[in-house]
């Protein structure tokens, strides 16, 4: 079980395999090659030697001891490519699992049969908001659960969060501070903390909520484009758009650029995520940074501690977020 064996399986260099598995150079390989490297590492049960020695409290670990097997559930999407935020978060999780000497058992997507996979693993990490009924199903199969999401589940299970409501309020405060009063919202509106943050910020600043400026979407590129076109065709004027995620904001910025002559005025755009892979397309996007690498690290640490019975009560680890100011926001 070596880096050389993985390199031979996927047809690349040992140094590239090492960089991918250690996340030391995210752009050293294409996404397709990175996925083949992770698949090969999973097939042969590769674990970094250092992590294997230090998994249990820094002490020595016997080679014969079986490493924990972890299932990752993508709770919101049928495929990881549907949302760059969760695609990047999954990559961070893969890196962290191998660094901590654990094995990725399976990635299960929304709509797939999950009971058998969950029961066959030592623990489960859930990516993205899910229902209490789904958590109950998971709990019946495996008591070692950790969620990574923006909407807290009120200590139903261990969770690592970056509060979506606070992130939305931070974005709105930035726009309102610039002088914007007519701010549109494009994103999910159903039990969504980012939408709650949008509304609460308007109320706090005595700005009436204009429901004509709110477009509920599934937060994809296609629906983001259609939403901004609908807003431009509507009767309600607006000077800024708050998008629930970066991929929506990219579609909005591109559409506004295409429609520049028709729009006739500059419109500020802000979002949440700060996905590095999107910077090449829209380097000027102002967004709220979500610390995905740190969240993945703490989720794995928390899950392994629960597997080892290090803690019994449910815990919540909350990370702060921060504005990354670029060129897409300006005074009206």
Protein backbone atom coordinates (compact mmCIF):
# COMPACT_ATOMS: atom_id res chain seq x y z
CA UNK A 1 0.00 0.00 0.00
CA UNK A 2 2.20 2.84 -1.27
CA UNK A 3 2.15 6.09 -3.21
CA UNK A 4 4.10 4.31 -5.96
CA UNK A 5 1.35 1.70 -6.32
CA UNK A 6 -1.31 4.42 -6.61
CA UNK A 7 0.79 6.29 -9.17
CA UNK A 8 1.09 3.15 -11.28
CA UNK A 9 -2.66 2.49 -11.06
CA UNK A 10 -3.64 5.93 -12.36
CA UNK A 11 -0.67 6.59 -14.65
CA UNK A 12 0.87 9.64 -12.97
CA UNK A 13 3.90 10.54 -10.87
CA UNK A 14 4.44 9.72 -7.20
CA UNK A 15 4.88 13.43 -6.45
CA UNK A 16 1.48 14.25 -7.97
CA UNK A 17 -0.17 11.50 -5.92
CA UNK A 18 1.48 12.84 -2.77
CA UNK A 19 0.37 16.41 -3.46
CA UNK A 20 -3.23 15.35 -4.08
CA UNK A 21 -3.51 13.10 -1.01
CA UNK A 22 -1.90 15.72 1.23
CA UNK A 23 -3.78 18.62 -0.37
CA UNK A 24 -0.49 20.50 -0.57
CA UNK A 25 -1.09 21.77 -4.13
CA UNK A 26 -4.80 21.77 -5.10
CA UNK A 27 -4.09 22.76 -8.73
CA UNK A 28 -1.41 20.12 -9.35
CA UNK A 29 -3.89 17.84 -11.11
CA UNK A 30 -7.23 18.02 -12.90
CA UNK A 31 -10.39 17.16 -10.99
CA UNK A 32 -10.68 13.97 -13.03
CA UNK A 33 -7.13 12.88 -12.11
CA UNK A 34 -7.66 13.80 -8.46
CA UNK A 35 -10.78 11.66 -8.34
CA UNK A 36 -8.92 8.69 -9.90
CA UNK A 37 -6.15 9.08 -7.31
CA UNK A 38 -8.66 9.09 -4.44
CA UNK A 39 -10.45 6.09 -5.91
CA UNK A 40 -7.19 4.14 -6.19
CA UNK A 41 -6.20 5.10 -2.63
CA UNK A 42 -9.57 3.87 -1.43
CA UNK A 43 -9.26 0.59 -3.35
CA UNK A 44 -5.92 -0.35 -1.80
CA UNK A 45 -6.77 1.02 1.67
CA UNK A 46 -3.92 3.52 1.63
CA UNK A 47 -3.18 5.39 4.87
CA UNK A 48 -0.35 7.84 5.57
CA UNK A 49 2.15 6.21 7.91
CA UNK A 50 2.32 9.15 10.30
CA UNK A 51 -1.45 9.26 10.73
CA UNK A 52 -1.52 5.52 11.34
CA UNK A 53 0.99 5.94 14.16
CA UNK A 54 -0.82 8.83 15.82
CA UNK A 55 -4.53 8.09 15.35
CA UNK A 56 -5.15 7.17 18.98
CA UNK A 57 -4.01 9.98 21.23
CA UNK A 58 -0.51 10.19 19.81
CA UNK A 59 0.42 6.65 20.78
CA UNK A 60 1.70 3.79 18.63
CA UNK A 61 -0.82 2.01 16.45
CA UNK A 62 -0.51 -1.61 15.52
CA UNK A 63 -0.39 -2.33 11.79
CA UNK A 64 -2.97 -5.06 12.19
CA UNK A 65 -5.58 -2.75 13.72
CA UNK A 66 -8.41 -1.98 11.32
CA UNK A 67 -8.78 1.75 10.56
CA UNK A 68 -12.21 3.39 10.96
CA UNK A 69 -14.35 3.30 7.84
CA UNK A 70 -16.36 6.46 7.24
CA UNK A 71 -19.35 6.99 4.93
CA UNK A 72 -19.98 10.49 3.59
CA UNK A 73 -23.59 11.37 2.78
CA UNK A 74 -24.26 14.19 0.30
CA UNK A 75 -27.68 15.11 1.64
CA UNK A 76 -28.72 17.81 -0.83
CA UNK A 77 -27.58 16.76 -4.29
CA UNK A 78 -27.68 13.67 -6.54
CA UNK A 79 -24.08 14.34 -7.63
CA UNK A 80 -21.25 16.34 -6.11
CA UNK A 81 -20.70 18.45 -9.24
CA UNK A 82 -24.11 20.08 -8.68
CA UNK A 83 -22.59 22.49 -6.14
CA UNK A 84 -18.91 23.61 -6.16
CA UNK A 85 -19.04 24.37 -2.42
CA UNK A 86 -19.87 20.77 -1.49
CA UNK A 87 -17.52 19.44 -4.17
CA UNK A 88 -14.67 21.36 -2.54
CA UNK A 89 -15.81 20.37 0.95
CA UNK A 90 -15.86 16.70 -0.05
CA UNK A 91 -12.31 17.04 -1.35
CA UNK A 92 -11.24 18.55 1.99
CA UNK A 93 -12.92 15.67 3.82
CA UNK A 94 -11.14 13.05 1.73
CA UNK A 95 -7.81 14.67 2.49
CA UNK A 96 -8.56 14.91 6.20
CA UNK A 97 -9.81 11.32 6.51
CA UNK A 98 -6.60 9.94 5.02
CA UNK A 99 -4.48 12.33 7.09
CA UNK A 100 -6.17 11.01 10.27
CA UNK A 101 -5.71 7.36 9.29
CA UNK A 102 -9.39 6.71 8.47
CA UNK A 103 -10.77 5.12 5.31
CA UNK A 104 -13.49 6.54 3.11
CA UNK A 105 -15.98 3.70 2.91
CA UNK A 106 -18.40 5.23 0.40
CA UNK A 107 -19.85 8.54 -0.79
CA UNK A 108 -23.65 8.21 -0.86
CA UNK A 109 -25.78 10.76 -2.70
CA UNK A 110 -29.29 12.07 -2.19
CA UNK A 111 -31.83 9.51 -3.38
CA UNK A 112 -29.56 6.47 -3.14
CA UNK A 113 -30.10 3.55 -0.80
CA UNK A 114 -28.07 4.41 2.26
CA UNK A 115 -29.03 2.13 5.17
CA UNK A 116 -26.66 -0.70 4.25
CA UNK A 117 -23.71 1.64 3.61
CA UNK A 118 -24.30 3.53 6.85
CA UNK A 119 -24.59 0.33 8.89
CA UNK A 120 -21.40 -1.08 7.34
CA UNK A 121 -19.27 1.91 8.34
CA UNK A 122 -17.88 3.01 11.70
CA UNK A 123 -19.20 6.54 11.34
CA UNK A 124 -21.03 8.95 9.03
CA UNK A 125 -20.38 12.54 7.99
CA UNK A 126 -23.38 14.33 6.50
CA UNK A 127 -22.73 17.22 4.10
CA UNK A 128 -25.54 19.73 3.76
CA UNK A 129 -28.87 20.37 5.39
CA UNK A 130 -31.08 17.35 5.88
CA UNK A 131 -34.41 16.64 7.55
CA UNK A 132 -34.87 15.38 11.10
CA UNK A 133 -36.52 12.27 9.65
CA UNK A 134 -33.39 11.49 7.64
CA UNK A 135 -31.22 12.01 10.71
CA UNK A 136 -33.46 9.61 12.60
CA UNK A 137 -33.00 6.97 9.87
CA UNK A 138 -29.24 7.43 10.03
CA UNK A 139 -29.28 7.29 13.84
CA UNK A 140 -31.06 3.95 13.77
CA UNK A 141 -28.26 2.50 11.64
CA UNK A 142 -25.22 4.22 13.14
CA UNK A 143 -24.86 6.33 16.30
CA UNK A 144 -21.59 7.91 15.18
CA UNK A 145 -22.82 10.93 13.19
CA UNK A 146 -21.36 14.36 12.43
CA UNK A 147 -23.00 16.98 10.22
CA UNK A 148 -21.36 19.84 8.32
CA UNK A 149 -23.87 22.52 7.36
CA UNK A 150 -24.96 26.14 7.63
CA UNK A 151 -28.29 25.53 9.39
CA UNK A 152 -27.84 24.21 12.93
CA UNK A 153 -29.91 21.14 13.88
CA UNK A 154 -30.07 22.18 17.54
CA UNK A 155 -27.77 19.46 18.87
CA UNK A 156 -29.67 16.59 17.24
CA UNK A 157 -26.22 15.19 16.36
CA UNK A 158 -22.63 16.41 16.53
CA UNK A 159 -22.30 19.26 14.06
CA UNK A 160 -19.72 21.59 12.57
CA UNK A 161 -21.34 24.78 11.33
CA UNK A 162 -20.65 28.15 9.82
CA UNK A 163 -23.94 29.88 10.53
CA UNK A 164 -25.69 30.76 7.26
CA UNK A 165 -27.82 33.42 8.93
CA UNK A 166 -24.75 35.22 10.27
CA UNK A 167 -23.03 34.92 6.88
CA UNK A 168 -26.08 36.43 5.16
CA UNK A 169 -26.26 39.25 7.70
CA UNK A 170 -22.57 39.98 7.11
CA UNK A 171 -23.17 40.19 3.35
CA UNK A 172 -26.24 42.39 3.80
CA UNK A 173 -24.46 44.70 6.25
CA UNK A 174 -21.78 45.19 3.61
CA UNK A 175 -24.34 46.18 0.95
CA UNK A 176 -26.38 48.37 3.29
CA UNK A 177 -23.18 50.01 4.53
CA UNK A 178 -22.43 50.99 0.94
CA UNK A 179 -25.81 52.70 0.73
CA UNK A 180 -27.98 50.07 -0.96
CA UNK A 181 -31.65 49.92 0.00
CA UNK A 182 -33.21 47.97 -2.87
CA UNK A 183 -31.48 44.59 -2.57
CA UNK A 184 -32.69 41.50 -4.41
CA UNK A 185 -32.26 37.95 -3.09
CA UNK A 186 -31.63 34.87 -5.27
CA UNK A 187 -31.47 31.50 -3.52
CA UNK A 188 -33.36 28.89 -1.54
CA UNK A 189 -36.21 30.30 0.58
CA UNK A 190 -37.44 27.10 2.25
CA UNK A 191 -36.20 26.73 5.83
CA UNK A 192 -32.98 28.40 4.71
CA UNK A 193 -30.89 30.38 7.20
CA UNK A 194 -29.38 32.60 4.49
CA UNK A 195 -32.85 33.77 3.48
CA UNK A 196 -33.69 34.41 7.15
CA UNK A 197 -30.51 36.49 7.46
CA UNK A 198 -31.48 38.50 4.38
CA UNK A 199 -34.93 39.31 5.78
CA UNK A 200 -33.73 40.03 9.32
CA UNK A 201 -31.11 42.48 8.04
CA UNK A 202 -33.74 44.45 6.11
CA UNK A 203 -36.02 44.53 9.15
CA UNK A 204 -33.19 45.64 11.44
CA UNK A 205 -32.47 48.60 9.15
CA UNK A 206 -36.16 49.51 8.71
CA UNK A 207 -36.07 48.57 5.04
CA UNK A 208 -39.40 47.10 3.83
CA UNK A 209 -39.19 43.56 2.45
CA UNK A 210 -40.07 43.73 -1.24
CA UNK A 211 -41.17 40.22 -2.20
CA UNK A 212 -40.95 41.18 -5.85
CA UNK A 213 -37.17 41.24 -5.40
CA UNK A 214 -37.01 37.71 -3.96
CA UNK A 215 -36.43 34.80 -6.33
CA UNK A 216 -36.52 31.27 -4.88
CA UNK A 217 -34.16 28.89 -6.70
CA UNK A 218 -32.32 25.60 -6.19
CA UNK A 219 -29.08 27.64 -6.18
CA UNK A 220 -27.75 26.33 -9.48
CA UNK A 221 -26.13 28.23 -12.35
CA UNK A 222 -29.14 27.82 -14.66
CA UNK A 223 -31.71 28.98 -12.14
CA UNK A 224 -29.52 31.89 -11.09
CA UNK A 225 -29.43 33.09 -14.68
CA UNK A 226 -33.18 32.80 -15.07
CA UNK A 227 -33.78 34.57 -11.75
CA UNK A 228 -31.75 37.66 -12.68
CA UNK A 229 -33.44 37.81 -16.09
CA UNK A 230 -36.82 37.72 -14.34
CA UNK A 231 -35.73 40.50 -11.99
CA UNK A 232 -34.57 42.65 -14.89
CA UNK A 233 -37.91 42.19 -16.62
CA UNK A 234 -39.85 43.01 -13.44
CA UNK A 235 -41.23 46.35 -12.33
CA UNK A 236 -39.12 46.58 -9.14
CA UNK A 237 -35.89 48.55 -9.38
CA UNK A 238 -32.86 47.26 -7.47
CA UNK A 239 -29.23 48.33 -7.08
CA UNK A 240 -27.76 45.13 -5.59
CA UNK A 241 -28.24 41.37 -5.54
CA UNK A 242 -27.45 39.04 -2.66
CA UNK A 243 -26.90 35.51 -3.99
CA UNK A 244 -27.06 32.55 -1.61
CA UNK A 245 -23.95 30.92 -3.11
CA UNK A 246 -21.06 31.63 -5.46
CA UNK A 247 -22.27 29.57 -8.41
CA UNK A 248 -25.48 31.61 -8.48
CA UNK A 249 -23.48 34.83 -8.25
CA UNK A 250 -21.26 33.80 -11.17
CA UNK A 251 -24.32 33.22 -13.34
CA UNK A 252 -25.75 36.58 -12.26
CA UNK A 253 -22.52 38.46 -13.03
CA UNK A 254 -22.18 36.82 -16.43
CA UNK A 255 -25.80 37.56 -17.30
CA UNK A 256 -25.52 41.19 -16.19
CA UNK A 257 -22.41 41.55 -18.35
CA UNK A 258 -24.26 40.12 -21.36
CA UNK A 259 -27.23 42.39 -20.68
CA UNK A 260 -25.15 45.50 -19.91
CA UNK A 261 -26.75 47.66 -22.59
CA UNK A 262 -30.23 46.61 -21.54
CA UNK A 263 -29.55 47.02 -17.79
CA UNK A 264 -28.17 50.51 -18.20
CA UNK A 265 -26.89 50.78 -14.63
CA UNK A 266 -24.25 49.12 -12.45
CA UNK A 267 -25.61 46.48 -10.06
CA UNK A 268 -23.64 45.20 -7.07
CA UNK A 269 -23.44 41.43 -6.50
CA UNK A 270 -22.41 39.62 -3.31
CA UNK A 271 -22.58 35.95 -2.32
CA UNK A 272 -21.49 33.30 0.18
CA UNK A 273 -18.84 30.52 -0.18
CA UNK A 274 -15.57 31.97 -1.58
CA UNK A 275 -14.88 29.02 -3.90
CA UNK A 276 -11.32 29.28 -5.23
CA UNK A 277 -12.07 27.46 -8.47
CA UNK A 278 -14.52 30.18 -9.51
CA UNK A 279 -12.05 33.05 -9.15
CA UNK A 280 -10.62 32.47 -12.62
CA UNK A 281 -14.05 33.09 -14.13
CA UNK A 282 -15.16 35.93 -11.85
CA UNK A 283 -12.07 37.27 -10.04
CA UNK A 284 -13.98 40.37 -8.89
CA UNK A 285 -16.70 38.58 -6.91
CA UNK A 286 -17.19 39.91 -3.37
CA UNK A 287 -18.20 36.97 -1.18
CA UNK A 288 -18.33 35.65 2.37
CA UNK A 289 -15.55 33.16 3.09
CA UNK A 290 -16.60 29.81 4.61
CA UNK A 291 -13.57 27.96 6.13
CA UNK A 292 -14.12 24.57 4.48
CA UNK A 293 -10.71 23.06 5.25
CA UNK A 294 -11.02 23.85 8.96
CA UNK A 295 -14.60 22.59 9.07
CA UNK A 296 -13.58 19.30 7.44
CA UNK A 297 -10.69 18.93 9.89
CA UNK A 298 -12.88 19.38 12.95
CA UNK A 299 -15.65 17.15 11.57
CA UNK A 300 -13.22 14.25 11.16
CA UNK A 301 -11.65 14.90 14.57
CA UNK A 302 -15.08 14.98 16.21
CA UNK A 303 -16.26 11.81 14.47
CA UNK A 304 -13.12 9.85 15.37
CA UNK A 305 -13.41 11.00 18.97
CA UNK A 306 -17.02 9.77 19.10
CA UNK A 307 -16.03 6.45 17.50
CA UNK A 308 -13.42 6.06 20.25
CA UNK A 309 -16.10 7.00 22.83
CA UNK A 310 -14.15 10.11 23.72
CA UNK A 311 -17.38 12.07 24.23
CA UNK A 312 -21.01 11.13 24.77
CA UNK A 313 -22.95 14.41 24.67
CA UNK A 314 -23.65 16.07 21.34
CA UNK A 315 -21.36 18.98 20.46
CA UNK A 316 -21.50 21.95 18.12
CA UNK A 317 -18.38 23.55 16.70
CA UNK A 318 -19.10 26.88 15.02
CA UNK A 319 -16.66 28.69 12.75
CA UNK A 320 -16.79 32.42 11.99
CA UNK A 321 -17.04 33.79 8.48
CA UNK A 322 -15.58 36.93 6.92
CA UNK A 323 -16.14 39.21 3.93
CA UNK A 324 -13.69 38.92 1.03
CA UNK A 325 -13.95 42.29 -0.69
CA UNK A 326 -13.39 42.42 -4.42
CA UNK A 327 -14.77 44.54 -7.23
CA UNK A 328 -18.39 43.39 -7.60
CA UNK A 329 -19.77 45.68 -4.85
CA UNK A 330 -19.81 49.47 -4.93
CA UNK A 331 -21.91 52.42 -3.86
CA UNK A 332 -25.20 52.87 -5.74
